[in-house]
């Protein structure tokens, strides 16, 4: 059970969330379920979404977990049919699948500081960069192609993409991820325009920096003190702290509600403790 920041009734709505095994999207799954929606939690890690679905079902909510590869169109079509059979046709799609890869990351922030034996810009691997672009961009495009067909039939629906602070200003060391997320913001606006006459709205949220198991060692030393990179992040964040996953829920539930946000489409909403607004001086 999580404390919902706003009270919106999603009863009767079928919500599909990709990347539902992660910290951000599992929290969204819980929020939609607690708001009355029938939620399909999709992730490549079947065990994680099945566990999540079992927990929510035991609490009296409606949620089903499905193994899904967002880069496999045929597999997505199979999952789509299963969701329709189990829960009904999709009303809301949250494209949460994404991520980075070490093969597309440099060791140094600046090339003139590169050390011998380290991974510089010239050592970035094409297959790693390609994977990051596919996971983030195609991992949003393909589920949308599959599940938005339901919305076109209903002449109503909402798509919510997950962008990033990287989309506003690229972060050092992660060129592919930054560029891919900038593509997500652009694609969000494209989808909003393309589907405007069908009753479908498309928006995105751009989360600020969150602490997770994946990035904890990048942000904190073994003794719990902030790393140099963590200090830079917090110094560039006016509120001086990290975002909690639960703080993304207000914007998410608002943007996906056809009554509250009926005229809002093509928007990328930063939820970042002020990071995107701060110039550094």
C-alpha atoms as a PDB file:
ATOM      1  CA  UNK A   1       0.000   0.000   0.000  1.00  0.00           C
ATOM      2  CA  UNK A   2       1.313   3.451  -0.927  1.00  0.00           C
ATOM      3  CA  UNK A   3      -0.062   6.856   0.001  1.00  0.00           C
ATOM      4  CA  UNK A   4      -1.534   8.347  -3.166  1.00  0.00           C
ATOM      5  CA  UNK A   5      -0.831  12.073  -3.629  1.00  0.00           C
ATOM      6  CA  UNK A   6      -4.115  12.741  -5.450  1.00  0.00           C
ATOM      7  CA  UNK A   7      -7.484  10.996  -5.520  1.00  0.00           C
ATOM      8  CA  UNK A   8      -8.424  10.017  -9.097  1.00  0.00           C
ATOM      9  CA  UNK A   9     -10.769   7.141  -9.789  1.00  0.00           C
ATOM     10  CA  UNK A  10      -9.503   4.854 -12.554  1.00  0.00           C
ATOM     11  CA  UNK A  11     -12.203   2.218 -12.036  1.00  0.00           C
ATOM     12  CA  UNK A  12     -13.001   0.398 -15.274  1.00  0.00           C
ATOM     13  CA  UNK A  13      -9.777   1.515 -16.961  1.00  0.00           C
ATOM     14  CA  UNK A  14      -7.231  -0.995 -18.273  1.00  0.00           C
ATOM     15  CA  UNK A  15      -3.709   0.277 -17.717  1.00  0.00           C
ATOM     16  CA  UNK A  16      -0.672  -1.366 -19.335  1.00  0.00           C
ATOM     17  CA  UNK A  17       2.740  -0.577 -17.830  1.00  0.00           C
ATOM     18  CA  UNK A  18       5.997  -1.729 -19.439  1.00  0.00           C
ATOM     19  CA  UNK A  19       9.177  -1.921 -17.396  1.00  0.00           C
ATOM     20  CA  UNK A  20       6.942  -2.746 -14.445  1.00  0.00           C
ATOM     21  CA  UNK A  21       9.674  -4.689 -12.672  1.00  0.00           C
ATOM     22  CA  UNK A  22      11.663  -1.518 -11.984  1.00  0.00           C
ATOM     23  CA  UNK A  23      11.445   0.873  -9.046  1.00  0.00           C
ATOM     24  CA  UNK A  24       9.640   3.663 -10.888  1.00  0.00           C
ATOM     25  CA  UNK A  25       7.107   1.629 -12.821  1.00  0.00           C
ATOM     26  CA  UNK A  26       6.298  -0.874 -10.085  1.00  0.00           C
ATOM     27  CA  UNK A  27       5.323   2.129  -7.963  1.00  0.00           C
ATOM     28  CA  UNK A  28       3.106   3.339 -10.819  1.00  0.00           C
ATOM     29  CA  UNK A  29       1.499  -0.097 -11.102  1.00  0.00           C
ATOM     30  CA  UNK A  30       0.595   0.030  -7.423  1.00  0.00           C
ATOM     31  CA  UNK A  31      -0.811   3.547  -7.733  1.00  0.00           C
ATOM     32  CA  UNK A  32      -3.040   2.716 -10.688  1.00  0.00           C
ATOM     33  CA  UNK A  33      -4.252  -0.483  -9.015  1.00  0.00           C
ATOM     34  CA  UNK A  34      -5.059   1.370  -5.787  1.00  0.00           C
ATOM     35  CA  UNK A  35      -6.947   3.917  -7.898  1.00  0.00           C
ATOM     36  CA  UNK A  36      -9.262   1.181  -9.165  1.00  0.00           C
ATOM     37  CA  UNK A  37      -7.677   0.315 -12.506  1.00  0.00           C
ATOM     38  CA  UNK A  38      -7.139  -3.152 -13.918  1.00  0.00           C
ATOM     39  CA  UNK A  39      -3.377  -3.183 -14.413  1.00  0.00           C
ATOM     40  CA  UNK A  40      -1.205  -5.257 -16.719  1.00  0.00           C
ATOM     41  CA  UNK A  41       2.373  -5.236 -15.442  1.00  0.00           C
ATOM     42  CA  UNK A  42       4.831  -6.078 -18.241  1.00  0.00           C
ATOM     43  CA  UNK A  43       8.540  -6.783 -17.846  1.00  0.00           C
ATOM     44  CA  UNK A  44      11.233  -9.045 -19.245  1.00  0.00           C
ATOM     45  CA  UNK A  45      11.745 -10.214 -15.668  1.00  0.00           C
ATOM     46  CA  UNK A  46       8.635 -12.355 -15.328  1.00  0.00           C
ATOM     47  CA  UNK A  47       9.330 -13.268 -11.710  1.00  0.00           C
ATOM     48  CA  UNK A  48       9.303  -9.642 -10.560  1.00  0.00           C
ATOM     49  CA  UNK A  49       5.974  -8.727 -12.196  1.00  0.00           C
ATOM     50  CA  UNK A  50       4.301 -11.970 -11.141  1.00  0.00           C
ATOM     51  CA  UNK A  51       5.338 -11.266  -7.555  1.00  0.00           C
ATOM     52  CA  UNK A  52       4.045  -7.702  -7.818  1.00  0.00           C
ATOM     53  CA  UNK A  53       0.743  -8.879  -9.281  1.00  0.00           C
ATOM     54  CA  UNK A  54       0.337 -11.547  -6.594  1.00  0.00           C
ATOM     55  CA  UNK A  55       0.921  -8.980  -3.843  1.00  0.00           C
ATOM     56  CA  UNK A  56      -1.632  -6.556  -5.271  1.00  0.00           C
ATOM     57  CA  UNK A  57      -4.164  -9.314  -5.867  1.00  0.00           C
ATOM     58  CA  UNK A  58      -3.781 -10.427  -2.250  1.00  0.00           C
ATOM     59  CA  UNK A  59      -4.513  -6.837  -1.203  1.00  0.00           C
ATOM     60  CA  UNK A  60      -7.756  -6.884  -3.183  1.00  0.00           C
ATOM     61  CA  UNK A  61      -6.650  -5.074  -6.332  1.00  0.00           C
ATOM     62  CA  UNK A  62      -6.716  -6.197  -9.974  1.00  0.00           C
ATOM     63  CA  UNK A  63      -3.297  -6.786 -11.504  1.00  0.00           C
ATOM     64  CA  UNK A  64      -1.776  -9.386 -13.810  1.00  0.00           C
ATOM     65  CA  UNK A  65       1.922  -9.864 -14.520  1.00  0.00           C
ATOM     66  CA  UNK A  66       3.217 -10.739 -17.991  1.00  0.00           C
ATOM     67  CA  UNK A  67       6.647 -11.527 -19.367  1.00  0.00           C
ATOM     68  CA  UNK A  68       7.236  -9.125 -22.243  1.00  0.00           C
ATOM     69  CA  UNK A  69      10.169  -8.201 -24.456  1.00  0.00           C
ATOM     70  CA  UNK A  70       9.436  -4.678 -25.686  1.00  0.00           C
ATOM     71  CA  UNK A  71      11.791  -5.221 -28.636  1.00  0.00           C
ATOM     72  CA  UNK A  72       9.931  -8.268 -29.942  1.00  0.00           C
ATOM     73  CA  UNK A  73       6.790  -7.277 -31.915  1.00  0.00           C
ATOM     74  CA  UNK A  74       5.445 -10.833 -32.119  1.00  0.00           C
ATOM     75  CA  UNK A  75       5.849 -11.385 -28.394  1.00  0.00           C
ATOM     76  CA  UNK A  76       4.134  -8.066 -27.708  1.00  0.00           C
ATOM     77  CA  UNK A  77       1.197  -9.081 -29.886  1.00  0.00           C
ATOM     78  CA  UNK A  78       0.857 -12.299 -27.862  1.00  0.00           C
ATOM     79  CA  UNK A  79       0.939 -10.351 -24.603  1.00  0.00           C
ATOM     80  CA  UNK A  80      -1.571  -7.892 -26.003  1.00  0.00           C
ATOM     81  CA  UNK A  81      -4.016 -10.678 -26.746  1.00  0.00           C
ATOM     82  CA  UNK A  82      -3.500 -12.115 -23.265  1.00  0.00           C
ATOM     83  CA  UNK A  83      -4.186  -8.712 -21.686  1.00  0.00           C
ATOM     84  CA  UNK A  84      -7.354  -8.285 -23.741  1.00  0.00           C
ATOM     85  CA  UNK A  85      -8.551 -11.747 -22.697  1.00  0.00           C
ATOM     86  CA  UNK A  86      -7.694 -11.235 -19.019  1.00  0.00           C
ATOM     87  CA  UNK A  87      -8.494  -7.580 -18.422  1.00  0.00           C
ATOM     88  CA  UNK A  88      -9.910  -5.971 -21.561  1.00  0.00           C
ATOM     89  CA  UNK A  89      -8.647  -3.532 -24.168  1.00  0.00           C
ATOM     90  CA  UNK A  90      -6.027  -0.971 -23.208  1.00  0.00           C
ATOM     91  CA  UNK A  91      -7.119   2.518 -22.132  1.00  0.00           C
ATOM     92  CA  UNK A  92      -3.793   3.816 -20.815  1.00  0.00           C
ATOM     93  CA  UNK A  93      -0.256   2.801 -21.813  1.00  0.00           C
ATOM     94  CA  UNK A  94       2.759   3.729 -19.711  1.00  0.00           C
ATOM     95  CA  UNK A  95       5.972   3.154 -21.660  1.00  0.00           C
ATOM     96  CA  UNK A  96       8.385   2.627 -18.788  1.00  0.00           C
ATOM     97  CA  UNK A  97      10.874   0.181 -20.287  1.00  0.00           C
ATOM     98  CA  UNK A  98      14.329   1.663 -20.870  1.00  0.00           C
ATOM     99  CA  UNK A  99      17.837   1.873 -19.517  1.00  0.00           C
ATOM    100  CA  UNK A 100      21.531   2.319 -20.215  1.00  0.00           C
ATOM    101  CA  UNK A 101      24.417  -0.060 -20.979  1.00  0.00           C
ATOM    102  CA  UNK A 102      28.093   0.055 -19.911  1.00  0.00           C
ATOM    103  CA  UNK A 103      29.171  -0.464 -23.521  1.00  0.00           C
ATOM    104  CA  UNK A 104      27.692   2.934 -24.352  1.00  0.00           C
ATOM    105  CA  UNK A 105      29.258   4.797 -21.411  1.00  0.00           C
ATOM    106  CA  UNK A 106      32.610   6.566 -21.056  1.00  0.00           C
ATOM    107  CA  UNK A 107      34.758   6.373 -17.925  1.00  0.00           C
ATOM    108  CA  UNK A 108      35.657  10.060 -18.058  1.00  0.00           C
ATOM    109  CA  UNK A 109      33.558  13.202 -18.115  1.00  0.00           C
ATOM    110  CA  UNK A 110      36.092  15.081 -20.268  1.00  0.00           C
ATOM    111  CA  UNK A 111      38.342  13.562 -22.919  1.00  0.00           C
ATOM    112  CA  UNK A 112      41.392  15.544 -21.799  1.00  0.00           C
ATOM    113  CA  UNK A 113      41.079  13.760 -18.436  1.00  0.00           C
ATOM    114  CA  UNK A 114      40.989  10.280 -19.971  1.00  0.00           C
ATOM    115  CA  UNK A 115      43.466   7.841 -18.488  1.00  0.00           C
ATOM    116  CA  UNK A 116      45.317   5.088 -20.283  1.00  0.00           C
ATOM    117  CA  UNK A 117      43.356   1.858 -20.077  1.00  0.00           C
ATOM    118  CA  UNK A 118      40.085   3.635 -19.421  1.00  0.00           C
ATOM    119  CA  UNK A 119      37.120   3.708 -21.774  1.00  0.00           C
ATOM    120  CA  UNK A 120      37.058   6.937 -23.757  1.00  0.00           C
ATOM    121  CA  UNK A 121      34.627   8.239 -26.347  1.00  0.00           C
ATOM    122  CA  UNK A 122      36.617   6.399 -29.001  1.00  0.00           C
ATOM    123  CA  UNK A 123      36.090   3.110 -27.180  1.00  0.00           C
ATOM    124  CA  UNK A 124      32.287   3.249 -27.197  1.00  0.00           C
ATOM    125  CA  UNK A 125      30.950   0.074 -28.769  1.00  0.00           C
ATOM    126  CA  UNK A 126      28.526   0.396 -31.659  1.00  0.00           C
ATOM    127  CA  UNK A 127      26.466  -2.585 -30.511  1.00  0.00           C
ATOM    128  CA  UNK A 128      26.142  -1.056 -27.037  1.00  0.00           C
ATOM    129  CA  UNK A 129      24.995   2.277 -28.418  1.00  0.00           C
ATOM    130  CA  UNK A 130      22.584   0.482 -30.740  1.00  0.00           C
ATOM    131  CA  UNK A 131      21.156  -1.504 -27.811  1.00  0.00           C
ATOM    132  CA  UNK A 132      20.537   1.657 -25.772  1.00  0.00           C
ATOM    133  CA  UNK A 133      18.743   3.343 -28.660  1.00  0.00           C
ATOM    134  CA  UNK A 134      16.639   0.283 -29.353  1.00  0.00           C
ATOM    135  CA  UNK A 135      15.718  -0.311 -25.712  1.00  0.00           C
ATOM    136  CA  UNK A 136      14.630   3.267 -25.121  1.00  0.00           C
ATOM    137  CA  UNK A 137      13.208   4.371 -28.464  1.00  0.00           C
ATOM    138  CA  UNK A 138      11.990   1.176 -30.090  1.00  0.00           C
ATOM    139  CA  UNK A 139      11.029  -0.050 -26.618  1.00  0.00           C
ATOM    140  CA  UNK A 140       8.547   2.828 -26.603  1.00  0.00           C
ATOM    141  CA  UNK A 141       7.541   2.747 -30.272  1.00  0.00           C
ATOM    142  CA  UNK A 142       6.731  -0.977 -30.509  1.00  0.00           C
ATOM    143  CA  UNK A 143       4.432  -1.244 -27.453  1.00  0.00           C
ATOM    144  CA  UNK A 144       2.661   1.896 -28.670  1.00  0.00           C
ATOM    145  CA  UNK A 145       2.088   0.326 -32.080  1.00  0.00           C
ATOM    146  CA  UNK A 146       0.545  -2.708 -30.401  1.00  0.00           C
ATOM    147  CA  UNK A 147      -1.552  -1.239 -27.572  1.00  0.00           C
ATOM    148  CA  UNK A 148      -2.594   2.100 -29.095  1.00  0.00           C
ATOM    149  CA  UNK A 149      -4.705   0.178 -31.637  1.00  0.00           C
ATOM    150  CA  UNK A 150      -7.162  -0.437 -28.782  1.00  0.00           C
ATOM    151  CA  UNK A 151      -7.330   3.292 -28.102  1.00  0.00           C
ATOM    152  CA  UNK A 152      -7.931   4.133 -31.771  1.00  0.00           C
ATOM    153  CA  UNK A 153     -10.868   1.716 -31.738  1.00  0.00           C
ATOM    154  CA  UNK A 154     -12.287   3.432 -28.643  1.00  0.00           C
ATOM    155  CA  UNK A 155     -11.476   6.912 -29.968  1.00  0.00           C
ATOM    156  CA  UNK A 156     -10.025   7.645 -26.523  1.00  0.00           C
ATOM    157  CA  UNK A 157      -6.960   6.854 -24.468  1.00  0.00           C
ATOM    158  CA  UNK A 158      -3.718   8.088 -23.016  1.00  0.00           C
ATOM    159  CA  UNK A 159      -0.058   7.283 -23.603  1.00  0.00           C
ATOM    160  CA  UNK A 160       2.537   8.279 -21.007  1.00  0.00           C
ATOM    161  CA  UNK A 161       6.224   8.004 -21.906  1.00  0.00           C
ATOM    162  CA  UNK A 162       9.177   8.198 -19.528  1.00  0.00           C
ATOM    163  CA  UNK A 163      11.712  10.780 -20.592  1.00  0.00           C
ATOM    164  CA  UNK A 164      14.601  12.040 -18.433  1.00  0.00           C
ATOM    165  CA  UNK A 165      16.646  15.013 -17.305  1.00  0.00           C
ATOM    166  CA  UNK A 166      19.099  13.865 -19.979  1.00  0.00           C
ATOM    167  CA  UNK A 167      16.589  14.989 -22.594  1.00  0.00           C
ATOM    168  CA  UNK A 168      17.006  18.636 -21.551  1.00  0.00           C
ATOM    169  CA  UNK A 169      20.784  18.713 -21.149  1.00  0.00           C
ATOM    170  CA  UNK A 170      22.942  15.647 -21.838  1.00  0.00           C
ATOM    171  CA  UNK A 171      24.725  14.230 -18.826  1.00  0.00           C
ATOM    172  CA  UNK A 172      28.425  13.451 -19.013  1.00  0.00           C
ATOM    173  CA  UNK A 173      29.542   9.844 -19.557  1.00  0.00           C
ATOM    174  CA  UNK A 174      26.228   8.624 -21.014  1.00  0.00           C
ATOM    175  CA  UNK A 175      25.921   9.988 -24.577  1.00  0.00           C
ATOM    176  CA  UNK A 176      23.700   7.245 -25.998  1.00  0.00           C
ATOM    177  CA  UNK A 177      21.215   7.273 -23.130  1.00  0.00           C
ATOM    178  CA  UNK A 178      21.003  11.064 -23.201  1.00  0.00           C
ATOM    179  CA  UNK A 179      20.372  11.129 -26.945  1.00  0.00           C
ATOM    180  CA  UNK A 180      17.832   8.302 -26.728  1.00  0.00           C
ATOM    181  CA  UNK A 181      15.823  10.065 -24.025  1.00  0.00           C
ATOM    182  CA  UNK A 182      15.897  13.306 -26.032  1.00  0.00           C
ATOM    183  CA  UNK A 183      14.358  11.200 -28.782  1.00  0.00           C
ATOM    184  CA  UNK A 184      11.601  10.092 -26.398  1.00  0.00           C
ATOM    185  CA  UNK A 185      10.647  13.705 -25.654  1.00  0.00           C
ATOM    186  CA  UNK A 186      10.541  14.459 -29.375  1.00  0.00           C
ATOM    187  CA  UNK A 187       8.583  11.287 -30.104  1.00  0.00           C
ATOM    188  CA  UNK A 188       6.076  12.209 -27.394  1.00  0.00           C
ATOM    189  CA  UNK A 189       5.304  15.449 -29.208  1.00  0.00           C
ATOM    190  CA  UNK A 190       5.103  13.613 -32.529  1.00  0.00           C
ATOM    191  CA  UNK A 191       2.636  11.059 -31.143  1.00  0.00           C
ATOM    192  CA  UNK A 192       0.536  13.801 -29.562  1.00  0.00           C
ATOM    193  CA  UNK A 193       0.174  15.469 -32.956  1.00  0.00           C
ATOM    194  CA  UNK A 194      -0.297  12.241 -34.913  1.00  0.00           C
ATOM    195  CA  UNK A 195      -3.100  10.934 -32.689  1.00  0.00           C
ATOM    196  CA  UNK A 196      -4.747  14.295 -31.915  1.00  0.00           C
ATOM    197  CA  UNK A 197      -7.782  13.539 -34.063  1.00  0.00           C
ATOM    198  CA  UNK A 198      -8.381  10.116 -32.525  1.00  0.00           C
ATOM    199  CA  UNK A 199      -9.050  11.171 -28.944  1.00  0.00           C
ATOM    200  CA  UNK A 200      -5.670   9.879 -27.764  1.00  0.00           C
ATOM    201  CA  UNK A 201      -3.447  12.135 -25.665  1.00  0.00           C
ATOM    202  CA  UNK A 202       0.303  11.528 -25.326  1.00  0.00           C
ATOM    203  CA  UNK A 203       2.507  13.102 -22.679  1.00  0.00           C
ATOM    204  CA  UNK A 204       5.701  12.268 -20.804  1.00  0.00           C
ATOM    205  CA  UNK A 205       7.268  12.792 -17.429  1.00  0.00           C
ATOM    206  CA  UNK A 206      10.968  13.526 -17.024  1.00  0.00           C
ATOM    207  CA  UNK A 207      12.084  12.158 -13.659  1.00  0.00           C
ATOM    208  CA  UNK A 208      14.950  13.797 -11.844  1.00  0.00           C
ATOM    209  CA  UNK A 209      17.642  11.813 -10.092  1.00  0.00           C
ATOM    210  CA  UNK A 210      16.429   8.881  -8.017  1.00  0.00           C
ATOM    211  CA  UNK A 211      18.485   6.549  -5.866  1.00  0.00           C
ATOM    212  CA  UNK A 212      18.133   2.903  -6.879  1.00  0.00           C
ATOM    213  CA  UNK A 213      20.016  -0.361  -6.516  1.00  0.00           C
ATOM    214  CA  UNK A 214      21.423   0.180 -10.009  1.00  0.00           C
ATOM    215  CA  UNK A 215      23.020   3.565  -9.344  1.00  0.00           C
ATOM    216  CA  UNK A 216      23.649   3.474  -5.584  1.00  0.00           C
ATOM    217  CA  UNK A 217      27.386   2.790  -5.907  1.00  0.00           C
ATOM    218  CA  UNK A 218      27.712   5.635  -8.416  1.00  0.00           C
ATOM    219  CA  UNK A 219      26.138   8.052  -5.965  1.00  0.00           C
ATOM    220  CA  UNK A 220      27.451   6.890  -2.592  1.00  0.00           C
ATOM    221  CA  UNK A 221      30.720   5.594  -1.191  1.00  0.00           C
ATOM    222  CA  UNK A 222      30.886   2.467   0.962  1.00  0.00           C
ATOM    223  CA  UNK A 223      30.638   4.610   4.105  1.00  0.00           C
ATOM    224  CA  UNK A 224      27.443   6.265   2.857  1.00  0.00           C
ATOM    225  CA  UNK A 225      28.991   9.609   1.963  1.00  0.00           C
ATOM    226  CA  UNK A 226      28.169  11.115  -1.455  1.00  0.00           C
ATOM    227  CA  UNK A 227      30.557  10.456  -4.331  1.00  0.00           C
ATOM    228  CA  UNK A 228      31.946  13.363  -6.353  1.00  0.00           C
ATOM    229  CA  UNK A 229      29.286  12.773  -9.019  1.00  0.00           C
ATOM    230  CA  UNK A 230      26.557  12.732  -6.380  1.00  0.00           C
ATOM    231  CA  UNK A 231      27.819  16.034  -5.005  1.00  0.00           C
ATOM    232  CA  UNK A 232      27.632  17.564  -8.476  1.00  0.00           C
ATOM    233  CA  UNK A 233      24.059  16.386  -8.891  1.00  0.00           C
ATOM    234  CA  UNK A 234      22.912  17.738  -5.541  1.00  0.00           C
ATOM    235  CA  UNK A 235      24.768  21.028  -6.047  1.00  0.00           C
ATOM    236  CA  UNK A 236      22.877  21.403  -9.318  1.00  0.00           C
ATOM    237  CA  UNK A 237      19.514  20.641  -7.726  1.00  0.00           C
ATOM    238  CA  UNK A 238      17.876  23.668  -6.085  1.00  0.00           C
ATOM    239  CA  UNK A 239      15.987  21.529  -3.562  1.00  0.00           C
ATOM    240  CA  UNK A 240      19.269  19.821  -2.651  1.00  0.00           C
ATOM    241  CA  UNK A 241      17.950  16.272  -2.602  1.00  0.00           C
ATOM    242  CA  UNK A 242      17.009  13.288  -4.758  1.00  0.00           C
ATOM    243  CA  UNK A 243      13.520  12.540  -6.042  1.00  0.00           C
ATOM    244  CA  UNK A 244      11.602   9.641  -4.512  1.00  0.00           C
ATOM    245  CA  UNK A 245       9.727   7.335  -6.897  1.00  0.00           C
ATOM    246  CA  UNK A 246       6.476   8.096  -5.065  1.00  0.00           C
ATOM    247  CA  UNK A 247       6.863  11.757  -6.013  1.00  0.00           C
ATOM    248  CA  UNK A 248       6.317  10.860  -9.667  1.00  0.00           C
ATOM    249  CA  UNK A 249       2.799   9.632  -8.965  1.00  0.00           C
ATOM    250  CA  UNK A 250       1.024  12.981  -8.749  1.00  0.00           C
ATOM    251  CA  UNK A 251       2.113  13.985 -12.232  1.00  0.00           C
ATOM    252  CA  UNK A 252       1.511  10.499 -13.607  1.00  0.00           C
ATOM    253  CA  UNK A 253      -2.030  10.131 -12.278  1.00  0.00           C
ATOM    254  CA  UNK A 254      -2.895  13.688 -13.310  1.00  0.00           C
ATOM    255  CA  UNK A 255      -1.613  13.423 -16.897  1.00  0.00           C
ATOM    256  CA  UNK A 256      -3.342  10.085 -17.481  1.00  0.00           C
ATOM    257  CA  UNK A 257      -6.741  11.300 -16.283  1.00  0.00           C
ATOM    258  CA  UNK A 258      -9.009  12.347 -19.158  1.00  0.00           C
ATOM    259  CA  UNK A 259     -11.026  14.658 -16.938  1.00  0.00           C
ATOM    260  CA  UNK A 260      -8.207  16.510 -15.194  1.00  0.00           C
ATOM    261  CA  UNK A 261      -5.874  16.745 -18.192  1.00  0.00           C
ATOM    262  CA  UNK A 262      -8.308  16.648 -21.113  1.00  0.00           C
ATOM    263  CA  UNK A 263      -6.559  19.486 -22.983  1.00  0.00           C
ATOM    264  CA  UNK A 264      -2.993  18.462 -22.146  1.00  0.00           C
ATOM    265  CA  UNK A 265      -1.074  16.607 -24.837  1.00  0.00           C
ATOM    266  CA  UNK A 266       2.483  16.796 -26.120  1.00  0.00           C
ATOM    267  CA  UNK A 267       3.830  17.900 -22.731  1.00  0.00           C
ATOM    268  CA  UNK A 268       7.024  16.650 -21.058  1.00  0.00           C
ATOM    269  CA  UNK A 269       6.716  17.327 -17.328  1.00  0.00           C
ATOM    270  CA  UNK A 270       9.935  17.576 -15.280  1.00  0.00           C
ATOM    271  CA  UNK A 271       9.627  16.089 -11.795  1.00  0.00           C
ATOM    272  CA  UNK A 272      13.139  16.839 -10.668  1.00  0.00           C
ATOM    273  CA  UNK A 273      13.432  18.994  -7.535  1.00  0.00           C
ATOM    274  CA  UNK A 274      14.281  21.911  -9.822  1.00  0.00           C
ATOM    275  CA  UNK A 275      17.287  20.368 -11.632  1.00  0.00           C
ATOM    276  CA  UNK A 276      16.171  21.374 -15.149  1.00  0.00           C
ATOM    277  CA  UNK A 277      15.453  24.960 -14.043  1.00  0.00           C
ATOM    278  CA  UNK A 278      18.872  25.663 -12.511  1.00  0.00           C
ATOM    279  CA  UNK A 279      21.630  27.243 -14.613  1.00  0.00           C
ATOM    280  CA  UNK A 280      24.347  26.610 -12.041  1.00  0.00           C
ATOM    281  CA  UNK A 281      24.716  30.260 -11.050  1.00  0.00           C
END
